[in-house]
Amino acid sequence: MAQAIPYQLLIHSATHNYTPSHGNWGAETFAGTRALTYVRFEPSSKLITTKDNRQVQLAATMFYDCKNSAPSGVTFTEGDQIIQTGGRVYKVETVDNCNDEIGLHHYELGLSG
């Protein structure tokens, strides 16, 4: 069993806006929002190809530990919005579920900004 990501590394917080929809004029709205604490942002310059065959330059990777990040039980999907404390707005492009021997250990989110 892999150990949880230590709190000392989970030094950031953010807002997670989820379940996106588009209004009449194309404005994006979200059905829900939640505060995230004990997460980690790392800069990224990785070029990826999304599921819909778009090439996207990632701006950051966010780590969410299933044991130490809060709130617990959060799931992420492509298209969600992450707002890092300080105001930087990102779109979730990829969601990597990282498992250990007993199940889901942490999420790694590829973010474009």
PDB file of N, CA and C in Angstrom:
ATOM      1  N   MET A   1       0.844  -1.180   0.000  1.00  0.00           N
ATOM      2  CA  MET A   1       0.000   0.000   0.000  1.00  0.00           C
ATOM      3  C   MET A   1       0.891   1.244   0.000  1.00  0.00           C
ATOM      4  N   ALA A   2       0.647   2.130  -0.936  1.00  0.00           N
ATOM      5  CA  ALA A   2       1.416   3.371  -1.028  1.00  0.00           C
ATOM      6  C   ALA A   2       0.946   4.355   0.043  1.00  0.00           C
ATOM      7  N   GLN A   3       1.893   5.109   0.571  1.00  0.00           N
ATOM      8  CA  GLN A   3       1.538   6.099   1.585  1.00  0.00           C
ATOM      9  C   GLN A   3       0.893   7.304   0.925  1.00  0.00           C
ATOM     10  N   ALA A   4       0.062   8.001   1.680  1.00  0.00           N
ATOM     11  CA  ALA A   4      -0.606   9.203   1.189  1.00  0.00           C
ATOM     12  C   ALA A   4       0.427  10.288   0.901  1.00  0.00           C
ATOM     13  N   ILE A   5       0.067  11.215   0.027  1.00  0.00           N
ATOM     14  CA  ILE A   5       0.936  12.368  -0.225  1.00  0.00           C
ATOM     15  C   ILE A   5       0.953  13.195   1.061  1.00  0.00           C
ATOM     16  N   PRO A   6       2.125  13.517   1.593  1.00  0.00           N
ATOM     17  CA  PRO A   6       2.197  14.226   2.874  1.00  0.00           C
ATOM     18  C   PRO A   6       1.586  15.630   2.808  1.00  0.00           C
ATOM     19  N   TYR A   7       1.003  16.056   3.928  1.00  0.00           N
ATOM     20  CA  TYR A   7       0.410  17.389   4.025  1.00  0.00           C
ATOM     21  C   TYR A   7       1.417  18.484   3.670  1.00  0.00           C
ATOM     22  N   GLN A   8       2.699  18.273   4.013  1.00  0.00           N
ATOM     23  CA  GLN A   8       3.720  19.284   3.749  1.00  0.00           C
ATOM     24  C   GLN A   8       3.858  19.585   2.257  1.00  0.00           C
ATOM     25  N   LEU A   9       3.473  18.645   1.398  1.00  0.00           N
ATOM     26  CA  LEU A   9       3.527  18.856  -0.044  1.00  0.00           C
ATOM     27  C   LEU A   9       2.221  19.391  -0.611  1.00  0.00           C
ATOM     28  N   LEU A  10       1.137  19.232   0.138  1.00  0.00           N
ATOM     29  CA  LEU A  10      -0.187  19.668  -0.322  1.00  0.00           C
ATOM     30  C   LEU A  10      -0.455  21.078   0.204  1.00  0.00           C
ATOM     31  N   ILE A  11       0.235  22.058  -0.372  1.00  0.00           N
ATOM     32  CA  ILE A  11       0.287  23.402   0.198  1.00  0.00           C
ATOM     33  C   ILE A  11      -0.677  24.395  -0.453  1.00  0.00           C
ATOM     34  N   HIS A  12      -1.450  23.955  -1.439  1.00  0.00           N
ATOM     35  CA  HIS A  12      -2.318  24.879  -2.164  1.00  0.00           C
ATOM     36  C   HIS A  12      -3.798  24.608  -1.874  1.00  0.00           C
ATOM     37  N   SER A  13      -4.620  25.555  -2.289  1.00  0.00           N
ATOM     38  CA  SER A  13      -6.068  25.391  -2.224  1.00  0.00           C
ATOM     39  C   SER A  13      -6.673  25.947  -3.507  1.00  0.00           C
ATOM     40  N   ALA A  14      -7.915  25.583  -3.773  1.00  0.00           N
ATOM     41  CA  ALA A  14      -8.555  25.968  -5.029  1.00  0.00           C
ATOM     42  C   ALA A  14     -10.067  25.861  -4.891  1.00  0.00           C
ATOM     43  N   THR A  15     -10.744  26.315  -5.918  1.00  0.00           N
ATOM     44  CA  THR A  15     -12.194  26.135  -6.058  1.00  0.00           C
ATOM     45  C   THR A  15     -12.423  25.223  -7.251  1.00  0.00           C
ATOM     46  N   HIS A  16     -13.306  24.254  -7.079  1.00  0.00           N
ATOM     47  CA  HIS A  16     -13.632  23.295  -8.138  1.00  0.00           C
ATOM     48  C   HIS A  16     -15.057  23.564  -8.601  1.00  0.00           C
ATOM     49  N   ASN A  17     -15.220  23.998  -9.846  1.00  0.00           N
ATOM     50  CA  ASN A  17     -16.540  24.169 -10.459  1.00  0.00           C
ATOM     51  C   ASN A  17     -16.788  22.967 -11.351  1.00  0.00           C
ATOM     52  N   TYR A  18     -17.913  22.284 -11.144  1.00  0.00           N
ATOM     53  CA  TYR A  18     -18.147  21.033 -11.851  1.00  0.00           C
ATOM     54  C   TYR A  18     -19.505  21.006 -12.522  1.00  0.00           C
ATOM     55  N   THR A  19     -19.713  20.049 -13.393  1.00  0.00           N
ATOM     56  CA  THR A  19     -20.888  19.855 -14.226  1.00  0.00           C
ATOM     57  C   THR A  19     -21.155  21.096 -15.079  1.00  0.00           C
ATOM     58  N   PRO A  20     -20.297  21.311 -16.086  1.00  0.00           N
ATOM     59  CA  PRO A  20     -20.466  22.485 -16.942  1.00  0.00           C
ATOM     60  C   PRO A  20     -21.653  22.349 -17.898  1.00  0.00           C
ATOM     61  N   SER A  21     -22.255  23.484 -18.213  1.00  0.00           N
ATOM     62  CA  SER A  21     -23.295  23.547 -19.240  1.00  0.00           C
ATOM     63  C   SER A  21     -23.167  24.898 -19.937  1.00  0.00           C
ATOM     64  N   HIS A  22     -23.777  25.006 -21.095  1.00  0.00           N
ATOM     65  CA  HIS A  22     -23.693  26.239 -21.871  1.00  0.00           C
ATOM     66  C   HIS A  22     -25.074  26.868 -21.961  1.00  0.00           C
ATOM     67  N   GLY A  23     -25.135  28.170 -21.682  1.00  0.00           N
ATOM     68  CA  GLY A  23     -26.393  28.906 -21.744  1.00  0.00           C
ATOM     69  C   GLY A  23     -26.760  29.272 -23.166  1.00  0.00           C
ATOM     70  N   ASN A  24     -27.805  30.089 -23.298  1.00  0.00           N
ATOM     71  CA  ASN A  24     -28.313  30.482 -24.620  1.00  0.00           C
ATOM     72  C   ASN A  24     -27.276  31.199 -25.470  1.00  0.00           C
ATOM     73  N   TRP A  25     -26.436  31.979 -24.875  1.00  0.00           N
ATOM     74  CA  TRP A  25     -25.451  32.766 -25.609  1.00  0.00           C
ATOM     75  C   TRP A  25     -24.066  32.129 -25.570  1.00  0.00           C
ATOM     76  N   GLY A  26     -23.987  30.882 -25.198  1.00  0.00           N
ATOM     77  CA  GLY A  26     -22.722  30.171 -25.178  1.00  0.00           C
ATOM     78  C   GLY A  26     -21.912  30.367 -23.912  1.00  0.00           C
ATOM     79  N   ALA A  27     -22.466  31.100 -22.953  1.00  0.00           N
ATOM     80  CA  ALA A  27     -21.762  31.326 -21.692  1.00  0.00           C
ATOM     81  C   ALA A  27     -21.725  30.017 -20.895  1.00  0.00           C
ATOM     82  N   GLU A  28     -20.560  29.698 -20.379  1.00  0.00           N
ATOM     83  CA  GLU A  28     -20.402  28.463 -19.613  1.00  0.00           C
ATOM     84  C   GLU A  28     -20.797  28.701 -18.166  1.00  0.00           C
ATOM     85  N   THR A  29     -21.665  27.835 -17.659  1.00  0.00           N
ATOM     86  CA  THR A  29     -22.067  27.882 -16.260  1.00  0.00           C
ATOM     87  C   THR A  29     -21.803  26.510 -15.648  1.00  0.00           C
ATOM     88  N   PHE A  30     -21.761  26.475 -14.328  1.00  0.00           N
ATOM     89  CA  PHE A  30     -21.469  25.225 -13.627  1.00  0.00           C
ATOM     90  C   PHE A  30     -22.563  24.958 -12.603  1.00  0.00           C
ATOM     91  N   ALA A  31     -22.982  23.692 -12.514  1.00  0.00           N
ATOM     92  CA  ALA A  31     -24.056  23.306 -11.601  1.00  0.00           C
ATOM     93  C   ALA A  31     -23.617  23.304 -10.153  1.00  0.00           C
ATOM     94  N   GLY A  32     -22.331  23.084  -9.895  1.00  0.00           N
ATOM     95  CA  GLY A  32     -21.864  23.010  -8.515  1.00  0.00           C
ATOM     96  C   GLY A  32     -20.490  23.613  -8.348  1.00  0.00           C
ATOM     97  N   THR A  33     -20.183  23.946  -7.103  1.00  0.00           N
ATOM     98  CA  THR A  33     -18.865  24.477  -6.772  1.00  0.00           C
ATOM     99  C   THR A  33     -18.482  23.974  -5.387  1.00  0.00           C
ATOM    100  N   ARG A  34     -17.202  23.754  -5.180  1.00  0.00           N
ATOM    101  CA  ARG A  34     -16.713  23.318  -3.863  1.00  0.00           C
ATOM    102  C   ARG A  34     -15.297  23.840  -3.662  1.00  0.00           C
ATOM    103  N   ALA A  35     -14.942  24.059  -2.422  1.00  0.00           N
ATOM    104  CA  ALA A  35     -13.588  24.476  -2.069  1.00  0.00           C
ATOM    105  C   ALA A  35     -12.726  23.226  -1.898  1.00  0.00           C
ATOM    106  N   LEU A  36     -11.507  23.267  -2.420  1.00  0.00           N
ATOM    107  CA  LEU A  36     -10.539  22.183  -2.267  1.00  0.00           C
ATOM    108  C   LEU A  36      -9.375  22.698  -1.432  1.00  0.00           C
ATOM    109  N   THR A  37      -8.955  21.905  -0.465  1.00  0.00           N
ATOM    110  CA  THR A  37      -7.780  22.242   0.331  1.00  0.00           C
ATOM    111  C   THR A  37      -6.821  21.055   0.308  1.00  0.00           C
ATOM    112  N   TYR A  38      -5.577  21.331   0.643  1.00  0.00           N
ATOM    113  CA  TYR A  38      -4.519  20.316   0.646  1.00  0.00           C
ATOM    114  C   TYR A  38      -4.382  19.652  -0.721  1.00  0.00           C
ATOM    115  N   VAL A  39      -4.217  20.486  -1.748  1.00  0.00           N
ATOM    116  CA  VAL A  39      -3.910  20.023  -3.094  1.00  0.00           C
ATOM    117  C   VAL A  39      -2.557  20.612  -3.486  1.00  0.00           C
ATOM    118  N   ARG A  40      -2.029  20.196  -4.631  1.00  0.00           N
ATOM    119  CA  ARG A  40      -0.738  20.722  -5.077  1.00  0.00           C
ATOM    120  C   ARG A  40      -0.808  21.040  -6.562  1.00  0.00           C
ATOM    121  N   PHE A  41      -0.301  22.218  -6.927  1.00  0.00           N
ATOM    122  CA  PHE A  41      -0.177  22.631  -8.320  1.00  0.00           C
ATOM    123  C   PHE A  41       1.298  22.620  -8.704  1.00  0.00           C
ATOM    124  N   GLU A  42       1.589  22.054  -9.845  1.00  0.00           N
ATOM    125  CA  GLU A  42       2.931  22.061 -10.412  1.00  0.00           C
ATOM    126  C   GLU A  42       2.830  22.590 -11.836  1.00  0.00           C
ATOM    127  N   PRO A  43       3.719  23.521 -12.224  1.00  0.00           N
ATOM    128  CA  PRO A  43       3.692  24.012 -13.606  1.00  0.00           C
ATOM    129  C   PRO A  43       3.991  22.890 -14.589  1.00  0.00           C
ATOM    130  N   SER A  44       3.434  23.019 -15.787  1.00  0.00           N
ATOM    131  CA  SER A  44       3.635  22.011 -16.812  1.00  0.00           C
ATOM    132  C   SER A  44       3.728  22.704 -18.171  1.00  0.00           C
ATOM    133  N   SER A  45       4.462  22.099 -19.068  1.00  0.00           N
ATOM    134  CA  SER A  45       4.514  22.594 -20.444  1.00  0.00           C
ATOM    135  C   SER A  45       4.273  21.438 -21.415  1.00  0.00           C
ATOM    136  N   LYS A  46       3.616  20.416 -20.914  1.00  0.00           N
ATOM    137  CA  LYS A  46       3.372  19.204 -21.681  1.00  0.00           C
ATOM    138  C   LYS A  46       2.324  19.463 -22.777  1.00  0.00           C
ATOM    139  N   LEU A  47       2.559  18.935 -23.967  1.00  0.00           N
ATOM    140  CA  LEU A  47       1.619  19.002 -25.069  1.00  0.00           C
ATOM    141  C   LEU A  47       0.886  17.665 -25.133  1.00  0.00           C
ATOM    142  N   ILE A  48      -0.442  17.707 -25.049  1.00  0.00           N
ATOM    143  CA  ILE A  48      -1.230  16.470 -25.038  1.00  0.00           C
ATOM    144  C   ILE A  48      -2.257  16.477 -26.158  1.00  0.00           C
ATOM    145  N   THR A  49      -2.781  15.313 -26.475  1.00  0.00           N
ATOM    146  CA  THR A  49      -3.910  15.183 -27.387  1.00  0.00           C
ATOM    147  C   THR A  49      -5.094  14.707 -26.566  1.00  0.00           C
ATOM    148  N   THR A  50      -6.187  15.472 -26.587  1.00  0.00           N
ATOM    149  CA  THR A  50      -7.366  15.145 -25.793  1.00  0.00           C
ATOM    150  C   THR A  50      -8.176  14.037 -26.464  1.00  0.00           C
ATOM    151  N   LYS A  51      -9.207  13.568 -25.783  1.00  0.00           N
ATOM    152  CA  LYS A  51     -10.055  12.501 -26.312  1.00  0.00           C
ATOM    153  C   LYS A  51     -10.750  12.904 -27.607  1.00  0.00           C
ATOM    154  N   ASP A  52     -10.983  14.215 -27.783  1.00  0.00           N
ATOM    155  CA  ASP A  52     -11.638  14.681 -29.009  1.00  0.00           C
ATOM    156  C   ASP A  52     -10.620  15.167 -30.055  1.00  0.00           C
ATOM    157  N   ASN A  53      -9.393  14.679 -29.963  1.00  0.00           N
ATOM    158  CA  ASN A  53      -8.307  14.922 -30.923  1.00  0.00           C
ATOM    159  C   ASN A  53      -7.854  16.379 -31.036  1.00  0.00           C
ATOM    160  N   ARG A  54      -7.956  17.141 -29.965  1.00  0.00           N
ATOM    161  CA  ARG A  54      -7.388  18.490 -29.930  1.00  0.00           C
ATOM    162  C   ARG A  54      -6.018  18.410 -29.285  1.00  0.00           C
ATOM    163  N   GLN A  55      -5.068  19.179 -29.810  1.00  0.00           N
ATOM    164  CA  GLN A  55      -3.772  19.281 -29.145  1.00  0.00           C
ATOM    165  C   GLN A  55      -3.814  20.479 -28.207  1.00  0.00           C
ATOM    166  N   VAL A  56      -3.449  20.243 -26.946  1.00  0.00           N
ATOM    167  CA  VAL A  56      -3.553  21.266 -25.913  1.00  0.00           C
ATOM    168  C   VAL A  56      -2.226  21.339 -25.164  1.00  0.00           C
ATOM    169  N   GLN A  57      -1.784  22.551 -24.915  1.00  0.00           N
ATOM    170  CA  GLN A  57      -0.601  22.797 -24.091  1.00  0.00           C
ATOM    171  C   GLN A  57      -1.068  22.928 -22.647  1.00  0.00           C
ATOM    172  N   LEU A  58      -0.624  22.028 -21.767  1.00  0.00           N
ATOM    173  CA  LEU A  58      -1.002  22.107 -20.363  1.00  0.00           C
ATOM    174  C   LEU A  58      -0.234  23.230 -19.674  1.00  0.00           C
ATOM    175  N   ALA A  59      -0.907  23.911 -18.762  1.00  0.00           N
ATOM    176  CA  ALA A  59      -0.276  24.983 -17.987  1.00  0.00           C
ATOM    177  C   ALA A  59       0.152  24.484 -16.611  1.00  0.00           C
ATOM    178  N   ALA A  60      -0.557  23.471 -16.097  1.00  0.00           N
ATOM    179  CA  ALA A  60      -0.264  22.978 -14.750  1.00  0.00           C
ATOM    180  C   ALA A  60      -0.809  21.565 -14.582  1.00  0.00           C
ATOM    181  N   THR A  61      -0.297  20.902 -13.558  1.00  0.00           N
ATOM    182  CA  THR A  61      -0.837  19.626 -13.101  1.00  0.00           C
ATOM    183  C   THR A  61      -1.257  19.818 -11.653  1.00  0.00           C
ATOM    184  N   MET A  62      -2.484  19.402 -11.319  1.00  0.00           N
ATOM    185  CA  MET A  62      -2.952  19.482  -9.937  1.00  0.00           C
ATOM    186  C   MET A  62      -3.022  18.073  -9.366  1.00  0.00           C
ATOM    187  N   PHE A  63      -2.505  17.916  -8.164  1.00  0.00           N
ATOM    188  CA  PHE A  63      -2.537  16.639  -7.456  1.00  0.00           C
ATOM    189  C   PHE A  63      -3.578  16.721  -6.345  1.00  0.00           C
ATOM    190  N   TYR A  64      -4.475  15.738  -6.317  1.00  0.00           N
ATOM    191  CA  TYR A  64      -5.499  15.624  -5.278  1.00  0.00           C
ATOM    192  C   TYR A  64      -5.337  14.249  -4.650  1.00  0.00           C
ATOM    193  N   ASP A  65      -4.921  14.208  -3.379  1.00  0.00           N
ATOM    194  CA  ASP A  65      -4.705  12.947  -2.668  1.00  0.00           C
ATOM    195  C   ASP A  65      -6.025  12.457  -2.087  1.00  0.00           C
ATOM    196  N   CYS A  66      -6.348  11.196  -2.291  1.00  0.00           N
ATOM    197  CA  CYS A  66      -7.634  10.663  -1.836  1.00  0.00           C
ATOM    198  C   CYS A  66      -7.729  10.524  -0.321  1.00  0.00           C
ATOM    199  N   LYS A  67      -6.603  10.584   0.391  1.00  0.00           N
ATOM    200  CA  LYS A  67      -6.638  10.504   1.844  1.00  0.00           C
ATOM    201  C   LYS A  67      -6.510  11.878   2.497  1.00  0.00           C
ATOM    202  N   ASN A  68      -5.549  12.691   2.062  1.00  0.00           N
ATOM    203  CA  ASN A  68      -5.247  13.936   2.767  1.00  0.00           C
ATOM    204  C   ASN A  68      -5.887  15.190   2.174  1.00  0.00           C
ATOM    205  N   SER A  69      -6.294  15.176   0.912  1.00  0.00           N
ATOM    206  CA  SER A  69      -6.954  16.340   0.345  1.00  0.00           C
ATOM    207  C   SER A  69      -8.394  16.404   0.840  1.00  0.00           C
ATOM    208  N   ALA A  70      -8.941  17.612   0.885  1.00  0.00           N
ATOM    209  CA  ALA A  70     -10.310  17.789   1.370  1.00  0.00           C
ATOM    210  C   ALA A  70     -11.098  18.631   0.377  1.00  0.00           C
ATOM    211  N   PRO A  71     -12.401  18.398   0.276  1.00  0.00           N
ATOM    212  CA  PRO A  71     -13.175  17.361   0.949  1.00  0.00           C
ATOM    213  C   PRO A  71     -12.874  15.988   0.347  1.00  0.00           C
ATOM    214  N   SER A  72     -13.229  14.951   1.054  1.00  0.00           N
ATOM    215  CA  SER A  72     -12.977  13.601   0.558  1.00  0.00           C
ATOM    216  C   SER A  72     -14.084  13.196  -0.415  1.00  0.00           C
ATOM    217  N   GLY A  73     -13.778  12.216  -1.235  1.00  0.00           N
ATOM    218  CA  GLY A  73     -14.777  11.670  -2.147  1.00  0.00           C
ATOM    219  C   GLY A  73     -15.047  12.498  -3.388  1.00  0.00           C
ATOM    220  N   VAL A  74     -14.185  13.435  -3.715  1.00  0.00           N
ATOM    221  CA  VAL A  74     -14.371  14.278  -4.889  1.00  0.00           C
ATOM    222  C   VAL A  74     -13.984  13.500  -6.145  1.00  0.00           C
ATOM    223  N   THR A  75     -14.746  13.669  -7.201  1.00  0.00           N
ATOM    224  CA  THR A  75     -14.380  13.131  -8.509  1.00  0.00           C
ATOM    225  C   THR A  75     -14.255  14.300  -9.482  1.00  0.00           C
ATOM    226  N   PHE A  76     -13.473  14.104 -10.513  1.00  0.00           N
ATOM    227  CA  PHE A  76     -13.216  15.143 -11.495  1.00  0.00           C
ATOM    228  C   PHE A  76     -13.533  14.614 -12.884  1.00  0.00           C
ATOM    229  N   THR A  77     -13.951  15.500 -13.780  1.00  0.00           N
ATOM    230  CA  THR A  77     -14.180  15.133 -15.175  1.00  0.00           C
ATOM    231  C   THR A  77     -13.594  16.201 -16.082  1.00  0.00           C
ATOM    232  N   GLU A  78     -13.295  15.802 -17.313  1.00  0.00           N
ATOM    233  CA  GLU A  78     -12.810  16.755 -18.299  1.00  0.00           C
ATOM    234  C   GLU A  78     -13.875  17.840 -18.491  1.00  0.00           C
ATOM    235  N   GLY A  79     -13.437  19.081 -18.581  1.00  0.00           N
ATOM    236  CA  GLY A  79     -14.353  20.202 -18.754  1.00  0.00           C
ATOM    237  C   GLY A  79     -14.633  20.959 -17.469  1.00  0.00           C
ATOM    238  N   ASP A  80     -14.318  20.346 -16.311  1.00  0.00           N
ATOM    239  CA  ASP A  80     -14.478  21.057 -15.039  1.00  0.00           C
ATOM    240  C   ASP A  80     -13.538  22.254 -15.009  1.00  0.00           C
ATOM    241  N   GLN A  81     -13.813  23.173 -14.107  1.00  0.00           N
ATOM    242  CA  GLN A  81     -12.985  24.372 -13.948  1.00  0.00           C
ATOM    243  C   GLN A  81     -12.335  24.355 -12.570  1.00  0.00           C
ATOM    244  N   ILE A  82     -11.054  24.680 -12.521  1.00  0.00           N
ATOM    245  CA  ILE A  82     -10.309  24.795 -11.275  1.00  0.00           C
ATOM    246  C   ILE A  82      -9.807  26.232 -11.178  1.00  0.00           C
ATOM    247  N   ILE A  83     -10.095  26.894 -10.066  1.00  0.00           N
ATOM    248  CA  ILE A  83      -9.601  28.246  -9.833  1.00  0.00           C
ATOM    249  C   ILE A  83      -8.646  28.175  -8.656  1.00  0.00           C
ATOM    250  N   GLN A  84      -7.370  28.357  -8.943  1.00  0.00           N
ATOM    251  CA  GLN A  84      -6.348  28.313  -7.897  1.00  0.00           C
ATOM    252  C   GLN A  84      -6.486  29.549  -7.024  1.00  0.00           C
ATOM    253  N   THR A  85      -6.313  29.383  -5.715  1.00  0.00           N
ATOM    254  CA  THR A  85      -6.337  30.530  -4.823  1.00  0.00           C
ATOM    255  C   THR A  85      -5.312  31.531  -5.329  1.00  0.00           C
ATOM    256  N   GLY A  86      -5.749  32.745  -5.544  1.00  0.00           N
ATOM    257  CA  GLY A  86      -4.921  33.756  -6.181  1.00  0.00           C
ATOM    258  C   GLY A  86      -5.516  34.174  -7.515  1.00  0.00           C
ATOM    259  N   GLY A  87      -6.486  33.388  -8.026  1.00  0.00           N
ATOM    260  CA  GLY A  87      -7.240  33.800  -9.188  1.00  0.00           C
ATOM    261  C   GLY A  87      -6.944  33.135 -10.514  1.00  0.00           C
ATOM    262  N   ARG A  88      -5.924  32.300 -10.603  1.00  0.00           N
ATOM    263  CA  ARG A  88      -5.616  31.650 -11.883  1.00  0.00           C
ATOM    264  C   ARG A  88      -6.698  30.622 -12.210  1.00  0.00           C
ATOM    265  N   VAL A  89      -7.295  30.729 -13.407  1.00  0.00           N
ATOM    266  CA  VAL A  89      -8.398  29.869 -13.818  1.00  0.00           C
ATOM    267  C   VAL A  89      -7.880  28.828 -14.807  1.00  0.00           C
ATOM    268  N   TYR A  90      -8.236  27.564 -14.560  1.00  0.00           N
ATOM    269  CA  TYR A  90      -7.816  26.460 -15.411  1.00  0.00           C
ATOM    270  C   TYR A  90      -9.031  25.648 -15.853  1.00  0.00           C
ATOM    271  N   LYS A  91      -8.865  24.959 -16.976  1.00  0.00           N
ATOM    272  CA  LYS A  91      -9.856  23.990 -17.445  1.00  0.00           C
ATOM    273  C   LYS A  91      -9.226  22.603 -17.329  1.00  0.00           C
ATOM    274  N   VAL A  92      -9.980  21.644 -16.809  1.00  0.00           N
ATOM    275  CA  VAL A  92      -9.495  20.267 -16.685  1.00  0.00           C
ATOM    276  C   VAL A  92      -9.524  19.618 -18.070  1.00  0.00           C
ATOM    277  N   GLU A  93      -8.347  19.228 -18.551  1.00  0.00           N
ATOM    278  CA  GLU A  93      -8.223  18.581 -19.859  1.00  0.00           C
ATOM    279  C   GLU A  93      -8.081  17.073 -19.730  1.00  0.00           C
ATOM    280  N   THR A  94      -7.347  16.615 -18.709  1.00  0.00           N
ATOM    281  CA  THR A  94      -7.167  15.182 -18.494  1.00  0.00           C
ATOM    282  C   THR A  94      -7.327  14.868 -17.010  1.00  0.00           C
ATOM    283  N   VAL A  95      -7.835  13.671 -16.735  1.00  0.00           N
ATOM    284  CA  VAL A  95      -7.957  13.174 -15.368  1.00  0.00           C
ATOM    285  C   VAL A  95      -7.297  11.805 -15.329  1.00  0.00           C
ATOM    286  N   ASP A  96      -6.190  11.711 -14.597  1.00  0.00           N
ATOM    287  CA  ASP A  96      -5.491  10.440 -14.444  1.00  0.00           C
ATOM    288  C   ASP A  96      -5.761   9.895 -13.051  1.00  0.00           C
ATOM    289  N   ASN A  97      -6.371   8.711 -12.987  1.00  0.00           N
ATOM    290  CA  ASN A  97      -6.603   8.025 -11.725  1.00  0.00           C
ATOM    291  C   ASN A  97      -5.366   7.191 -11.416  1.00  0.00           C
ATOM    292  N   CYS A  98      -4.681   7.510 -10.342  1.00  0.00           N
ATOM    293  CA  CYS A  98      -3.469   6.797  -9.958  1.00  0.00           C
ATOM    294  C   CYS A  98      -3.796   5.848  -8.815  1.00  0.00           C
ATOM    295  N   ASN A  99      -3.652   4.565  -9.077  1.00  0.00           N
ATOM    296  CA  ASN A  99      -4.048   3.534  -8.120  1.00  0.00           C
ATOM    297  C   ASN A  99      -2.839   2.920  -7.434  1.00  0.00           C
ATOM    298  N   ASP A 100      -3.088   2.390  -6.227  1.00  0.00           N
ATOM    299  CA  ASP A 100      -2.103   1.555  -5.554  1.00  0.00           C
ATOM    300  C   ASP A 100      -2.703   0.155  -5.447  1.00  0.00           C
ATOM    301  N   GLU A 101      -2.171  -0.682  -4.564  1.00  0.00           N
ATOM    302  CA  GLU A 101      -2.620  -2.067  -4.463  1.00  0.00           C
ATOM    303  C   GLU A 101      -4.078  -2.218  -4.034  1.00  0.00           C
ATOM    304  N   ILE A 102      -4.609  -1.252  -3.289  1.00  0.00           N
ATOM    305  CA  ILE A 102      -5.973  -1.415  -2.763  1.00  0.00           C
ATOM    306  C   ILE A 102      -7.008  -0.528  -3.435  1.00  0.00           C
ATOM    307  N   GLY A 103      -6.594   0.358  -4.324  1.00  0.00           N
ATOM    308  CA  GLY A 103      -7.566   1.202  -5.012  1.00  0.00           C
ATOM    309  C   GLY A 103      -7.006   2.562  -5.375  1.00  0.00           C
ATOM    310  N   LEU A 104      -7.905   3.506  -5.540  1.00  0.00           N
ATOM    311  CA  LEU A 104      -7.531   4.848  -5.974  1.00  0.00           C
ATOM    312  C   LEU A 104      -6.667   5.542  -4.921  1.00  0.00           C
ATOM    313  N   HIS A 105      -5.494   6.007  -5.321  1.00  0.00           N
ATOM    314  CA  HIS A 105      -4.550   6.670  -4.415  1.00  0.00           C
ATOM    315  C   HIS A 105      -4.645   8.188  -4.544  1.00  0.00           C
ATOM    316  N   HIS A 106      -4.544   8.711  -5.781  1.00  0.00           N
ATOM    317  CA  HIS A 106      -4.656  10.150  -6.003  1.00  0.00           C
ATOM    318  C   HIS A 106      -5.043  10.426  -7.450  1.00  0.00           C
ATOM    319  N   TYR A 107      -5.483  11.659  -7.694  1.00  0.00           N
ATOM    320  CA  TYR A 107      -5.769  12.133  -9.047  1.00  0.00           C
ATOM    321  C   TYR A 107      -4.659  13.062  -9.496  1.00  0.00           C
ATOM    322  N   GLU A 108      -4.325  13.013 -10.779  1.00  0.00           N
ATOM    323  CA  GLU A 108      -3.460  13.990 -11.405  1.00  0.00           C
ATOM    324  C   GLU A 108      -4.258  14.627 -12.528  1.00  0.00           C
ATOM    325  N   LEU A 109      -4.530  15.918 -12.391  1.00  0.00           N
ATOM    326  CA  LEU A 109      -5.345  16.635 -13.361  1.00  0.00           C
ATOM    327  C   LEU A 109      -4.456  17.454 -14.288  1.00  0.00           C
ATOM    328  N   GLY A 110      -4.593  17.252 -15.580  1.00  0.00           N
ATOM    329  CA  GLY A 110      -3.900  18.081 -16.558  1.00  0.00           C
ATOM    330  C   GLY A 110      -4.741  19.310 -16.824  1.00  0.00           C
ATOM    331  N   LEU A 111      -4.191  20.492 -16.557  1.00  0.00           N
ATOM    332  CA  LEU A 111      -4.943  21.746 -16.620  1.00  0.00           C
ATOM    333  C   LEU A 111      -4.414  22.656 -17.722  1.00  0.00           C
ATOM    334  N   SER A 112      -5.335  23.217 -18.499  1.00  0.00           N
ATOM    335  CA  SER A 112      -4.950  24.250 -19.459  1.00  0.00           C
ATOM    336  C   SER A 112      -5.425  25.591 -18.913  1.00  0.00           C
ATOM    337  N   GLY A 113      -4.740  26.632 -19.300  1.00  0.00           N
ATOM    338  CA  GLY A 113      -5.104  27.924 -18.744  1.00  0.00           C
ATOM    339  C   GLY A 113      -4.959  28.956 -19.754  1.00  0.00           C
TER     340      GLY A 113
END
